[in-house]
PDB file of N, CA and C in Angstrom:
ATOM      1  N   MET A   1       0.940  -0.982  -0.074  1.00  0.00           N
ATOM      2  CA  MET A   1      -0.025   0.055  -0.378  1.00  0.00           C
ATOM      3  C   MET A   1       0.930   1.170  -0.024  1.00  0.00           C
ATOM      4  N   TYR A   2       0.289   2.341  -0.010  1.00  0.00           N
ATOM      5  CA  TYR A   2       1.152   3.517  -0.222  1.00  0.00           C
ATOM      6  C   TYR A   2       0.364   4.821   0.512  1.00  0.00           C
ATOM      7  N   ASP A   3       0.674   5.768   0.605  1.00  0.00           N
ATOM      8  CA  ASP A   3       0.397   7.186   1.257  1.00  0.00           C
ATOM      9  C   ASP A   3      -0.343   7.955   0.181  1.00  0.00           C
ATOM     10  N   PRO A   4      -1.565   7.923   0.200  1.00  0.00           N
ATOM     11  CA  PRO A   4      -1.955   8.667  -0.916  1.00  0.00           C
ATOM     12  C   PRO A   4      -1.413  10.520  -0.963  1.00  0.00           C
ATOM     13  N   VAL A   5      -1.458  10.626   0.108  1.00  0.00           N
ATOM     14  CA  VAL A   5      -0.973  12.148   0.478  1.00  0.00           C
ATOM     15  C   VAL A   5       0.375  12.229  -0.061  1.00  0.00           C
ATOM     16  N   LEU A   6       1.127  11.415   0.082  1.00  0.00           N
ATOM     17  CA  LEU A   6       2.274  11.471  -0.211  1.00  0.00           C
ATOM     18  C   LEU A   6       2.388  11.278  -1.855  1.00  0.00           C
ATOM     19  N   GLU A   7       1.839  10.734  -1.977  1.00  0.00           N
ATOM     20  CA  GLU A   7       1.544  10.578  -3.935  1.00  0.00           C
ATOM     21  C   GLU A   7       0.940  11.941  -4.692  1.00  0.00           C
ATOM     22  N   GLN A   8       0.124  12.338  -3.819  1.00  0.00           N
ATOM     23  CA  GLN A   8      -0.580  13.654  -5.050  1.00  0.00           C
ATOM     24  C   GLN A   8       0.619  14.598  -4.092  1.00  0.00           C
ATOM     25  N   ARG A   9       1.625  14.668  -2.989  1.00  0.00           N
ATOM     26  CA  ARG A   9       2.530  15.930  -3.273  1.00  0.00           C
ATOM     27  C   ARG A   9       3.319  15.440  -4.261  1.00  0.00           C
ATOM     28  N   VAL A  10       3.985  13.981  -4.612  1.00  0.00           N
ATOM     29  CA  VAL A  10       4.712  13.605  -5.541  1.00  0.00           C
ATOM     30  C   VAL A  10       4.357  14.340  -6.746  1.00  0.00           C
ATOM     31  N   ALA A  11       3.235  13.824  -7.137  1.00  0.00           N
ATOM     32  CA  ALA A  11       2.629  14.523  -8.556  1.00  0.00           C
ATOM     33  C   ALA A  11       2.345  15.733  -8.710  1.00  0.00           C
ATOM     34  N   ALA A  12       2.083  16.479  -7.234  1.00  0.00           N
ATOM     35  CA  ALA A  12       2.239  18.213  -7.668  1.00  0.00           C
ATOM     36  C   ALA A  12       3.659  18.757  -7.989  1.00  0.00           C
ATOM     37  N   ARG A  13       4.742  17.920  -7.358  1.00  0.00           N
ATOM     38  CA  ARG A  13       6.233  18.322  -7.544  1.00  0.00           C
ATOM     39  C   ARG A  13       6.765  18.023  -9.202  1.00  0.00           C
ATOM     40  N   LEU A  14       6.200  16.905  -9.516  1.00  0.00           N
ATOM     41  CA  LEU A  14       6.143  16.800 -11.039  1.00  0.00           C
ATOM     42  C   LEU A  14       5.799  17.527 -11.748  1.00  0.00           C
ATOM     43  N   GLU A  15       4.507  17.942 -11.441  1.00  0.00           N
ATOM     44  CA  GLU A  15       3.798  18.800 -12.147  1.00  0.00           C
ATOM     45  C   GLU A  15       4.532  20.275 -12.540  1.00  0.00           C
ATOM     46  N   ALA A  16       4.769  20.828 -11.215  1.00  0.00           N
ATOM     47  CA  ALA A  16       5.788  21.816 -11.099  1.00  0.00           C
ATOM     48  C   ALA A  16       6.707  22.116 -11.482  1.00  0.00           C
ATOM     49  N   ALA A  17       7.803  20.889 -11.800  1.00  0.00           N
ATOM     50  CA  ALA A  17       8.959  20.885 -12.605  1.00  0.00           C
ATOM     51  C   ALA A  17       8.643  20.599 -14.396  1.00  0.00           C
ATOM     52  N   GLY A  18       7.544  20.476 -14.605  1.00  0.00           N
ATOM     53  CA  GLY A  18       7.272  20.245 -15.975  1.00  0.00           C
ATOM     54  C   GLY A  18       7.601  18.969 -16.872  1.00  0.00           C
ATOM     55  N   ALA A  19       7.238  17.973 -15.537  1.00  0.00           N
ATOM     56  CA  ALA A  19       7.681  16.284 -16.203  1.00  0.00           C
ATOM     57  C   ALA A  19       6.188  15.975 -16.357  1.00  0.00           C
ATOM     58  N   ALA A  20       6.057  15.433 -17.778  1.00  0.00           N
ATOM     59  CA  ALA A  20       5.247  14.564 -17.981  1.00  0.00           C
ATOM     60  C   ALA A  20       5.517  13.198 -17.927  1.00  0.00           C
ATOM     61  N   PHE A  21       4.403  12.633 -17.055  1.00  0.00           N
ATOM     62  CA  PHE A  21       4.257  11.482 -15.976  1.00  0.00           C
ATOM     63  C   PHE A  21       3.150  10.744 -16.250  1.00  0.00           C
ATOM     64  N   GLU A  22       3.547   9.092 -16.048  1.00  0.00           N
ATOM     65  CA  GLU A  22       2.197   8.317 -15.682  1.00  0.00           C
ATOM     66  C   GLU A  22       2.421   7.680 -14.638  1.00  0.00           C
ATOM     67  N   ARG A  23       1.491   7.337 -13.649  1.00  0.00           N
ATOM     68  CA  ARG A  23       1.635   6.371 -12.661  1.00  0.00           C
ATOM     69  C   ARG A  23       1.607   5.211 -12.956  1.00  0.00           C
ATOM     70  N   LYS A  24       2.198   4.266 -12.158  1.00  0.00           N
ATOM     71  CA  LYS A  24       1.921   3.039 -12.444  1.00  0.00           C
ATOM     72  C   LYS A  24       2.189   1.797 -11.140  1.00  0.00           C
ATOM     73  N   ARG A  25       1.264   1.108 -10.790  1.00  0.00           N
ATOM     74  CA  ARG A  25       1.132   0.277  -9.448  1.00  0.00           C
ATOM     75  C   ARG A  25       2.114  -0.868 -10.051  1.00  0.00           C
ATOM     76  N   MET A  26       3.396  -0.622  -8.703  1.00  0.00           N
ATOM     77  CA  MET A  26       4.782  -1.628  -8.706  1.00  0.00           C
ATOM     78  C   MET A  26       5.199  -1.357  -7.261  1.00  0.00           C
ATOM     79  N   PHE A  27       5.115  -3.032  -6.980  1.00  0.00           N
ATOM     80  CA  PHE A  27       6.346  -3.461  -6.084  1.00  0.00           C
ATOM     81  C   PHE A  27       5.595  -2.982  -4.544  1.00  0.00           C
ATOM     82  N   GLY A  28       4.155  -3.076  -4.797  1.00  0.00           N
ATOM     83  CA  GLY A  28       3.132  -2.840  -3.632  1.00  0.00           C
ATOM     84  C   GLY A  28       2.744  -1.531  -3.566  1.00  0.00           C
ATOM     85  N   GLY A  29       2.946  -0.119  -4.384  1.00  0.00           N
ATOM     86  CA  GLY A  29       3.119   1.232  -4.339  1.00  0.00           C
ATOM     87  C   GLY A  29       2.682   1.316  -5.814  1.00  0.00           C
ATOM     88  N   ILE A  30       2.962   2.680  -5.833  1.00  0.00           N
ATOM     89  CA  ILE A  30       3.032   3.386  -6.976  1.00  0.00           C
ATOM     90  C   ILE A  30       4.023   4.321  -7.612  1.00  0.00           C
ATOM     91  N   CYS A  31       4.488   3.766  -8.367  1.00  0.00           N
ATOM     92  CA  CYS A  31       5.898   4.216  -9.337  1.00  0.00           C
ATOM     93  C   CYS A  31       5.257   5.472 -10.253  1.00  0.00           C
ATOM     94  N   PHE A  32       6.025   6.357 -10.559  1.00  0.00           N
ATOM     95  CA  PHE A  32       5.947   7.749 -11.551  1.00  0.00           C
ATOM     96  C   PHE A  32       6.879   7.318 -12.484  1.00  0.00           C
ATOM     97  N   LEU A  33       6.802   7.117 -13.939  1.00  0.00           N
ATOM     98  CA  LEU A  33       7.462   6.996 -14.846  1.00  0.00           C
ATOM     99  C   LEU A  33       7.295   8.109 -15.459  1.00  0.00           C
ATOM    100  N   VAL A  34       8.561   8.709 -15.936  1.00  0.00           N
ATOM    101  CA  VAL A  34       9.008   9.938 -16.890  1.00  0.00           C
ATOM    102  C   VAL A  34       9.509   9.345 -18.162  1.00  0.00           C
ATOM    103  N   ASP A  35       8.971   9.365 -19.193  1.00  0.00           N
ATOM    104  CA  ASP A  35       9.391   8.964 -20.531  1.00  0.00           C
ATOM    105  C   ASP A  35       9.669   7.587 -20.394  1.00  0.00           C
ATOM    106  N   ASP A  36       8.681   7.177 -20.190  1.00  0.00           N
ATOM    107  CA  ASP A  36       8.452   5.582 -20.136  1.00  0.00           C
ATOM    108  C   ASP A  36       9.656   4.574 -19.031  1.00  0.00           C
ATOM    109  N   LYS A  37      10.121   5.367 -18.125  1.00  0.00           N
ATOM    110  CA  LYS A  37      11.119   4.926 -17.510  1.00  0.00           C
ATOM    111  C   LYS A  37      10.982   5.101 -15.603  1.00  0.00           C
ATOM    112  N   MET A  38      10.996   4.217 -14.948  1.00  0.00           N
ATOM    113  CA  MET A  38      10.898   4.570 -13.576  1.00  0.00           C
ATOM    114  C   MET A  38      11.231   5.590 -12.903  1.00  0.00           C
ATOM    115  N   CYS A  39      10.820   6.554 -12.263  1.00  0.00           N
ATOM    116  CA  CYS A  39      11.418   7.894 -11.749  1.00  0.00           C
ATOM    117  C   CYS A  39      11.833   7.970 -10.628  1.00  0.00           C
ATOM    118  N   VAL A  40      10.252   8.082  -9.821  1.00  0.00           N
ATOM    119  CA  VAL A  40      10.206   8.114  -8.407  1.00  0.00           C
ATOM    120  C   VAL A  40       9.137   7.189  -8.243  1.00  0.00           C
ATOM    121  N   GLY A  41       8.785   6.828  -6.514  1.00  0.00           N
ATOM    122  CA  GLY A  41       7.691   6.175  -6.347  1.00  0.00           C
ATOM    123  C   GLY A  41       7.411   6.392  -4.918  1.00  0.00           C
ATOM    124  N   VAL A  42       6.360   5.889  -4.660  1.00  0.00           N
ATOM    125  CA  VAL A  42       5.987   5.676  -3.426  1.00  0.00           C
ATOM    126  C   VAL A  42       5.103   4.217  -2.679  1.00  0.00           C
ATOM    127  N   LEU A  43       6.039   4.302  -1.658  1.00  0.00           N
ATOM    128  CA  LEU A  43       5.935   2.638  -1.133  1.00  0.00           C
ATOM    129  C   LEU A  43       5.668   2.724   0.315  1.00  0.00           C
ATOM    130  N   ASP A  44       4.472   2.679   0.975  1.00  0.00           N
ATOM    131  CA  ASP A  44       3.832   3.110   2.116  1.00  0.00           C
ATOM    132  C   ASP A  44       3.942   4.783   2.612  1.00  0.00           C
ATOM    133  N   GLU A  45       4.968   4.708   3.251  1.00  0.00           N
ATOM    134  CA  GLU A  45       5.246   6.446   3.505  1.00  0.00           C
ATOM    135  C   GLU A  45       6.461   6.449   3.150  1.00  0.00           C
ATOM    136  N   THR A  46       7.302   5.754   2.338  1.00  0.00           N
ATOM    137  CA  THR A  46       8.132   6.010   1.944  1.00  0.00           C
ATOM    138  C   THR A  46       8.541   6.630   0.460  1.00  0.00           C
ATOM    139  N   LEU A  47       9.446   7.316  -0.444  1.00  0.00           N
ATOM    140  CA  LEU A  47       9.973   7.869  -1.412  1.00  0.00           C
ATOM    141  C   LEU A  47      10.940   6.816  -1.840  1.00  0.00           C
ATOM    142  N   MET A  48      10.747   6.357  -2.886  1.00  0.00           N
ATOM    143  CA  MET A  48      11.712   5.642  -3.792  1.00  0.00           C
ATOM    144  C   MET A  48      11.989   6.669  -4.520  1.00  0.00           C
ATOM    145  N   VAL A  49      13.417   6.580  -4.467  1.00  0.00           N
ATOM    146  CA  VAL A  49      14.187   7.592  -5.899  1.00  0.00           C
ATOM    147  C   VAL A  49      15.332   6.925  -6.785  1.00  0.00           C
ATOM    148  N   ARG A  50      15.174   7.264  -8.163  1.00  0.00           N
ATOM    149  CA  ARG A  50      15.983   6.525  -9.035  1.00  0.00           C
ATOM    150  C   ARG A  50      17.166   7.717  -9.291  1.00  0.00           C
ATOM    151  N   PHE A  51      18.239   7.487  -9.091  1.00  0.00           N
ATOM    152  CA  PHE A  51      19.231   8.571  -9.400  1.00  0.00           C
ATOM    153  C   PHE A  51      20.532   8.246 -10.152  1.00  0.00           C
ATOM    154  N   ASP A  52      21.851   8.765 -10.652  1.00  0.00           N
ATOM    155  CA  ASP A  52      22.620   8.323 -11.074  1.00  0.00           C
ATOM    156  C   ASP A  52      23.384   7.598  -9.970  1.00  0.00           C
ATOM    157  N   PRO A  53      23.698   6.402 -10.680  1.00  0.00           N
ATOM    158  CA  PRO A  53      24.731   5.245  -9.726  1.00  0.00           C
ATOM    159  C   PRO A  53      25.919   5.799  -9.655  1.00  0.00           C
ATOM    160  N   ALA A  54      26.260   6.428 -10.471  1.00  0.00           N
ATOM    161  CA  ALA A  54      27.558   7.165  -9.885  1.00  0.00           C
ATOM    162  C   ALA A  54      27.570   7.921  -8.540  1.00  0.00           C
ATOM    163  N   LEU A  55      26.579   8.314  -8.046  1.00  0.00           N
ATOM    164  CA  LEU A  55      26.303   9.254  -6.550  1.00  0.00           C
ATOM    165  C   LEU A  55      26.261   8.198  -5.527  1.00  0.00           C
ATOM    166  N   ASN A  56      25.808   6.981  -6.397  1.00  0.00           N
ATOM    167  CA  ASN A  56      25.505   5.662  -4.919  1.00  0.00           C
ATOM    168  C   ASN A  56      25.943   6.100  -3.760  1.00  0.00           C
ATOM    169  N   GLU A  57      27.168   5.956  -3.420  1.00  0.00           N
ATOM    170  CA  GLU A  57      28.068   6.224  -2.484  1.00  0.00           C
ATOM    171  C   GLU A  57      27.538   7.562  -1.485  1.00  0.00           C
ATOM    172  N   GLN A  58      27.677   8.578  -2.376  1.00  0.00           N
ATOM    173  CA  GLN A  58      27.240   9.755  -1.675  1.00  0.00           C
ATOM    174  C   GLN A  58      26.046   9.903  -1.207  1.00  0.00           C
ATOM    175  N   ILE A  59      25.196   9.123  -2.085  1.00  0.00           N
ATOM    176  CA  ILE A  59      23.684   9.255  -1.828  1.00  0.00           C
ATOM    177  C   ILE A  59      23.019   8.352  -0.172  1.00  0.00           C
ATOM    178  N   LEU A  60      23.710   7.032  -0.243  1.00  0.00           N
ATOM    179  CA  LEU A  60      23.710   6.459   0.966  1.00  0.00           C
ATOM    180  C   LEU A  60      24.352   6.594   2.136  1.00  0.00           C
ATOM    181  N   ALA A  61      25.221   7.603   1.828  1.00  0.00           N
ATOM    182  CA  ALA A  61      26.070   8.183   3.222  1.00  0.00           C
ATOM    183  C   ALA A  61      24.846   9.195   3.679  1.00  0.00           C
ATOM    184  N   ARG A  62      24.177   9.745   3.371  1.00  0.00           N
ATOM    185  CA  ARG A  62      22.995  10.710   4.035  1.00  0.00           C
ATOM    186  C   ARG A  62      22.066   9.654   5.253  1.00  0.00           C
ATOM    187  N   GLU A  63      22.027  10.380   6.333  1.00  0.00           N
ATOM    188  CA  GLU A  63      20.884   9.642   7.436  1.00  0.00           C
ATOM    189  C   GLU A  63      19.735   9.760   7.067  1.00  0.00           C
ATOM    190  N   ASP A  64      19.033  10.229   5.726  1.00  0.00           N
ATOM    191  CA  ASP A  64      17.523  10.107   5.363  1.00  0.00           C
ATOM    192  C   ASP A  64      17.361   9.395   4.552  1.00  0.00           C
ATOM    193  N   VAL A  65      18.647   8.535   4.139  1.00  0.00           N
ATOM    194  CA  VAL A  65      18.203   7.801   2.963  1.00  0.00           C
ATOM    195  C   VAL A  65      18.362   6.051   3.321  1.00  0.00           C
ATOM    196  N   ARG A  66      18.524   5.144   2.751  1.00  0.00           N
ATOM    197  CA  ARG A  66      18.668   3.564   2.981  1.00  0.00           C
ATOM    198  C   ARG A  66      18.485   3.243   1.709  1.00  0.00           C
ATOM    199  N   GLU A  67      19.178   2.287   1.768  1.00  0.00           N
ATOM    200  CA  GLU A  67      19.583   1.602   0.529  1.00  0.00           C
ATOM    201  C   GLU A  67      18.475   0.429   0.460  1.00  0.00           C
ATOM    202  N   MET A  68      17.886   0.618  -1.353  1.00  0.00           N
ATOM    203  CA  MET A  68      16.570  -0.334  -1.953  1.00  0.00           C
ATOM    204  C   MET A  68      16.964  -1.611  -2.053  1.00  0.00           C
ATOM    205  N   ASP A  69      16.572  -2.338  -1.525  1.00  0.00           N
ATOM    206  CA  ASP A  69      17.027  -3.775  -1.321  1.00  0.00           C
ATOM    207  C   ASP A  69      15.918  -4.352  -1.576  1.00  0.00           C
ATOM    208  N   PHE A  70      14.832  -4.009  -2.065  1.00  0.00           N
ATOM    209  CA  PHE A  70      13.371  -4.332  -2.489  1.00  0.00           C
ATOM    210  C   PHE A  70      13.588  -6.054  -2.413  1.00  0.00           C
ATOM    211  N   THR A  71      14.619  -6.257  -3.833  1.00  0.00           N
ATOM    212  CA  THR A  71      14.659  -7.515  -4.368  1.00  0.00           C
ATOM    213  C   THR A  71      15.716  -8.602  -3.060  1.00  0.00           C
ATOM    214  N   LYS A  72      15.726  -7.912  -2.017  1.00  0.00           N
ATOM    215  CA  LYS A  72      16.996  -8.572  -1.318  1.00  0.00           C
ATOM    216  C   LYS A  72      18.294  -8.303  -1.581  1.00  0.00           C
ATOM    217  N   ARG A  73      18.283  -7.168  -2.474  1.00  0.00           N
ATOM    218  CA  ARG A  73      19.895  -7.458  -3.712  1.00  0.00           C
ATOM    219  C   ARG A  73      19.764  -5.506  -3.571  1.00  0.00           C
ATOM    220  N   ALA A  74      20.890  -5.420  -3.269  1.00  0.00           N
ATOM    221  CA  ALA A  74      21.233  -3.836  -3.433  1.00  0.00           C
ATOM    222  C   ALA A  74      20.758  -3.304  -4.874  1.00  0.00           C
ATOM    223  N   MET A  75      20.351  -2.137  -4.872  1.00  0.00           N
ATOM    224  CA  MET A  75      20.094  -1.740  -6.511  1.00  0.00           C
ATOM    225  C   MET A  75      21.041  -0.245  -6.557  1.00  0.00           C
ATOM    226  N   ARG A  76      21.944  -0.228  -7.072  1.00  0.00           N
ATOM    227  CA  ARG A  76      22.491   0.843  -7.272  1.00  0.00           C
ATOM    228  C   ARG A  76      21.763   1.810  -8.183  1.00  0.00           C
ATOM    229  N   GLY A  77      21.570   2.949  -7.416  1.00  0.00           N
ATOM    230  CA  GLY A  77      21.100   4.043  -8.095  1.00  0.00           C
ATOM    231  C   GLY A  77      19.689   4.320  -7.523  1.00  0.00           C
ATOM    232  N   PHE A  78      19.341   3.686  -6.754  1.00  0.00           N
ATOM    233  CA  PHE A  78      17.921   3.292  -6.322  1.00  0.00           C
ATOM    234  C   PHE A  78      17.867   3.352  -4.903  1.00  0.00           C
ATOM    235  N   ALA A  79      16.983   4.252  -4.102  1.00  0.00           N
ATOM    236  CA  ALA A  79      17.229   4.204  -2.798  1.00  0.00           C
ATOM    237  C   ALA A  79      15.784   4.966  -1.831  1.00  0.00           C
ATOM    238  N   PHE A  80      15.820   4.346  -0.496  1.00  0.00           N
ATOM    239  CA  PHE A  80      14.305   4.937  -0.008  1.00  0.00           C
ATOM    240  C   PHE A  80      14.859   5.767   0.759  1.00  0.00           C
ATOM    241  N   VAL A  81      13.828   6.984   1.094  1.00  0.00           N
ATOM    242  CA  VAL A  81      14.046   8.069   1.692  1.00  0.00           C
ATOM    243  C   VAL A  81      12.837   8.186   2.796  1.00  0.00           C
ATOM    244  N   ASP A  82      12.513   7.823   4.060  1.00  0.00           N
ATOM    245  CA  ASP A  82      11.822   7.559   4.818  1.00  0.00           C
ATOM    246  C   ASP A  82      10.869   9.078   4.729  1.00  0.00           C
ATOM    247  N   GLY A  83       9.530   8.872   4.680  1.00  0.00           N
ATOM    248  CA  GLY A  83       8.597   9.787   4.726  1.00  0.00           C
ATOM    249  C   GLY A  83       8.766  11.106   5.941  1.00  0.00           C
ATOM    250  N   GLU A  84       9.490  10.957   7.072  1.00  0.00           N
ATOM    251  CA  GLU A  84       9.672  11.976   7.985  1.00  0.00           C
ATOM    252  C   GLU A  84      10.511  12.763   7.590  1.00  0.00           C
ATOM    253  N   TYR A  85      11.571  12.541   6.511  1.00  0.00           N
ATOM    254  CA  TYR A  85      12.749  13.664   5.955  1.00  0.00           C
ATOM    255  C   TYR A  85      11.779  14.064   4.761  1.00  0.00           C
ATOM    256  N   ILE A  86      10.759  13.971   4.050  1.00  0.00           N
ATOM    257  CA  ILE A  86      10.610  14.963   3.363  1.00  0.00           C
ATOM    258  C   ILE A  86       9.212  15.207   3.327  1.00  0.00           C
ATOM    259  N   ASP A  87       8.782  15.725   4.733  1.00  0.00           N
ATOM    260  CA  ASP A  87       7.838  16.598   5.266  1.00  0.00           C
ATOM    261  C   ASP A  87       7.001  17.803   4.687  1.00  0.00           C
ATOM    262  N   ASP A  88       8.189  18.331   4.141  1.00  0.00           N
ATOM    263  CA  ASP A  88       8.239  19.760   3.390  1.00  0.00           C
ATOM    264  C   ASP A  88       8.418  19.736   2.436  1.00  0.00           C
ATOM    265  N   ASP A  89       7.840  20.485   1.428  1.00  0.00           N
ATOM    266  CA  ASP A  89       7.974  20.021   0.003  1.00  0.00           C
ATOM    267  C   ASP A  89       9.409  20.660  -0.417  1.00  0.00           C
ATOM    268  N   ARG A  90       9.918  21.409  -0.206  1.00  0.00           N
ATOM    269  CA  ARG A  90      11.593  21.630  -0.544  1.00  0.00           C
ATOM    270  C   ARG A  90      12.618  20.536  -0.227  1.00  0.00           C
ATOM    271  N   ARG A  91      12.310  19.784   0.865  1.00  0.00           N
ATOM    272  CA  ARG A  91      13.353  18.732   0.842  1.00  0.00           C
ATOM    273  C   ARG A  91      12.874  17.226  -0.157  1.00  0.00           C
ATOM    274  N   LEU A  92      11.084  17.528  -0.214  1.00  0.00           N
ATOM    275  CA  LEU A  92      10.769  16.434  -1.213  1.00  0.00           C
ATOM    276  C   LEU A  92      11.164  16.710  -3.125  1.00  0.00           C
ATOM    277  N   SER A  93      10.889  17.954  -3.354  1.00  0.00           N
ATOM    278  CA  SER A  93      11.581  18.549  -4.276  1.00  0.00           C
ATOM    279  C   SER A  93      13.183  18.459  -4.647  1.00  0.00           C
ATOM    280  N   TYR A  94      13.863  18.642  -3.500  1.00  0.00           N
ATOM    281  CA  TYR A  94      15.202  18.024  -3.853  1.00  0.00           C
ATOM    282  C   TYR A  94      15.512  16.442  -4.560  1.00  0.00           C
ATOM    283  N   TRP A  95      14.865  15.643  -3.771  1.00  0.00           N
ATOM    284  CA  TRP A  95      14.759  14.162  -4.348  1.00  0.00           C
ATOM    285  C   TRP A  95      14.114  14.125  -5.684  1.00  0.00           C
ATOM    286  N   ILE A  96      12.906  14.981  -5.826  1.00  0.00           N
ATOM    287  CA  ILE A  96      12.356  14.479  -7.571  1.00  0.00           C
ATOM    288  C   ILE A  96      13.182  15.291  -8.228  1.00  0.00           C
ATOM    289  N   GLU A  97      14.003  16.723  -7.966  1.00  0.00           N
ATOM    290  CA  GLU A  97      15.229  16.957  -8.987  1.00  0.00           C
ATOM    291  C   GLU A  97      15.904  15.952  -8.971  1.00  0.00           C
ATOM    292  N   LEU A  98      16.823  15.538  -8.018  1.00  0.00           N
ATOM    293  CA  LEU A  98      17.713  14.281  -8.635  1.00  0.00           C
ATOM    294  C   LEU A  98      17.296  13.453  -9.382  1.00  0.00           C
ATOM    295  N   ALA A  99      16.117  12.893  -8.901  1.00  0.00           N
ATOM    296  CA  ALA A  99      15.727  11.692 -10.038  1.00  0.00           C
ATOM    297  C   ALA A  99      15.226  12.417 -11.257  1.00  0.00           C
ATOM    298  N   LEU A 100      15.095  13.441 -11.642  1.00  0.00           N
ATOM    299  CA  LEU A 100      14.640  14.283 -13.201  1.00  0.00           C
ATOM    300  C   LEU A 100      15.806  14.427 -13.755  1.00  0.00           C
ATOM    301  N   ASP A 101      16.678  14.767 -12.701  1.00  0.00           N
ATOM    302  CA  ASP A 101      18.044  15.184 -13.654  1.00  0.00           C
ATOM    303  C   ASP A 101      18.726  13.973 -14.162  1.00  0.00           C
ATOM    304  N   TYR A 102      18.537  12.711 -13.599  1.00  0.00           N
ATOM    305  CA  TYR A 102      18.930  11.473 -14.198  1.00  0.00           C
ATOM    306  C   TYR A 102      18.187  10.805 -14.883  1.00  0.00           C
ATOM    307  N   ASN A 103      16.940  11.264 -15.112  1.00  0.00           N
ATOM    308  CA  ASN A 103      16.297  10.382 -16.066  1.00  0.00           C
ATOM    309  C   ASN A 103      16.301  10.727 -17.523  1.00  0.00           C
ATOM    310  N   PRO A 104      16.716  11.465 -17.928  1.00  0.00           N
ATOM    311  CA  PRO A 104      17.241  11.203 -19.656  1.00  0.00           C
ATOM    312  C   PRO A 104      18.227  10.299 -19.607  1.00  0.00           C
ATOM    313  N   ARG A 105      19.309  10.116 -18.542  1.00  0.00           N
ATOM    314  CA  ARG A 105      20.272   8.858 -18.963  1.00  0.00           C
ATOM    315  C   ARG A 105      19.915   7.589 -18.375  1.00  0.00           C
ATOM    316  N   ALA A 106      18.847   7.602 -17.829  1.00  0.00           N
ATOM    317  CA  ALA A 106      18.111   6.265 -17.109  1.00  0.00           C
ATOM    318  C   ALA A 106      17.715   5.294 -18.396  1.00  0.00           C
ATOM    319  N   LYS A 107      18.231   4.040 -18.318  1.00  0.00           N
ATOM    320  CA  LYS A 107      17.965   2.993 -19.236  1.00  0.00           C
ATOM    321  C   LYS A 107      16.204   2.612 -19.074  1.00  0.00           C
ATOM    322  N   ARG A 108      15.707   2.523 -19.817  1.00  0.00           N
ATOM    323  CA  ARG A 108      14.594   1.627 -19.845  1.00  0.00           C
ATOM    324  C   ARG A 108      14.559   0.380 -19.496  1.00  0.00           C
ATOM    325  N   SER A 109      13.796  -0.152 -19.063  1.00  0.00           N
ATOM    326  CA  SER A 109      13.471  -1.795 -18.721  1.00  0.00           C
ATOM    327  C   SER A 109      13.699  -2.538 -19.693  1.00  0.00           C
ATOM    328  N   ALA A 110      14.270  -3.592 -19.674  1.00  0.00           N
ATOM    329  CA  ALA A 110      14.734  -4.331 -20.944  1.00  0.00           C
ATOM    330  C   ALA A 110      13.220  -4.925 -21.449  1.00  0.00           C
ATOM    331  N   LYS A 111      11.808  -4.931 -20.504  1.00  0.00           N
ATOM    332  CA  LYS A 111      10.638  -5.546 -21.298  1.00  0.00           C
ATOM    333  C   LYS A 111      10.262  -4.552 -22.215  1.00  0.00           C
ATOM    334  N   LYS A 112      10.361  -2.997 -21.797  1.00  0.00           N
ATOM    335  CA  LYS A 112      10.043  -1.985 -22.298  1.00  0.00           C
ATOM    336  C   LYS A 112      10.644  -2.360 -23.498  1.00  0.00           C
ATOM    337  N   GLU A 113      12.140  -2.146 -23.641  1.00  0.00           N
ATOM    338  CA  GLU A 113      12.746  -2.015 -24.923  1.00  0.00           C
ATOM    339  C   GLU A 113      12.448  -3.124 -25.822  1.00  0.00           C
ATOM    340  N   LYS A 114      11.985  -4.252 -25.043  1.00  0.00           N
ATOM    341  CA  LYS A 114      12.024  -5.667 -25.981  1.00  0.00           C
ATOM    342  C   LYS A 114      10.554  -5.337 -26.774  1.00  0.00           C
ATOM    343  N   LYS A 115       9.412  -5.016 -25.934  1.00  0.00           N
ATOM    344  CA  LYS A 115       8.165  -4.551 -26.271  1.00  0.00           C
ATOM    345  C   LYS A 115       8.298  -3.499 -27.666  1.00  0.00           C
ATOM    346  N   ARG A 116       9.124  -2.547 -27.558  1.00  0.00           N
ATOM    347  CA  ARG A 116       9.224  -1.418 -28.538  1.00  0.00           C
ATOM    348  C   ARG A 116       9.901  -2.236 -29.644  1.00  0.00           C
ATOM    349  N   ASN A 117      10.755  -2.661 -29.577  1.00  0.00           N
ATOM    350  CA  ASN A 117      11.668  -3.450 -30.943  1.00  0.00           C
ATOM    351  C   ASN A 117      10.905  -4.711 -31.238  1.00  0.00           C
ATOM    352  N   GLY A 118      10.214  -5.268 -30.593  1.00  0.00           N
ATOM    353  CA  GLY A 118       9.349  -6.388 -31.045  1.00  0.00           C
ATOM    354  C   GLY A 118       8.103  -6.046 -32.148  1.00  0.00           C
TER     355      GLY A 118
END
């Protein structure tokens, strides 16, 4: 399940940034796809963020972040930010901007690529 208030806050920040996005239920939460690529998501009261994997160590060193190990294996370039750390729009905007900055360079999922080429 996911927090509908956080979902609306994320959608509002994406709209404010001018990002065209779609929502998709994934991982028991809701993901926001930008250019058909996972960008950010909401799982419970937690924000999932996709960012440049080159920043992985720097991002994971922050106290407000934890490793995304949804599959029991750490995923470079993905992290969870607990709701208490994104309780204001300025903090939430930071994470959304980080994800949007990386999105143009992010790869689409293999399934999506196969579907496009098939």
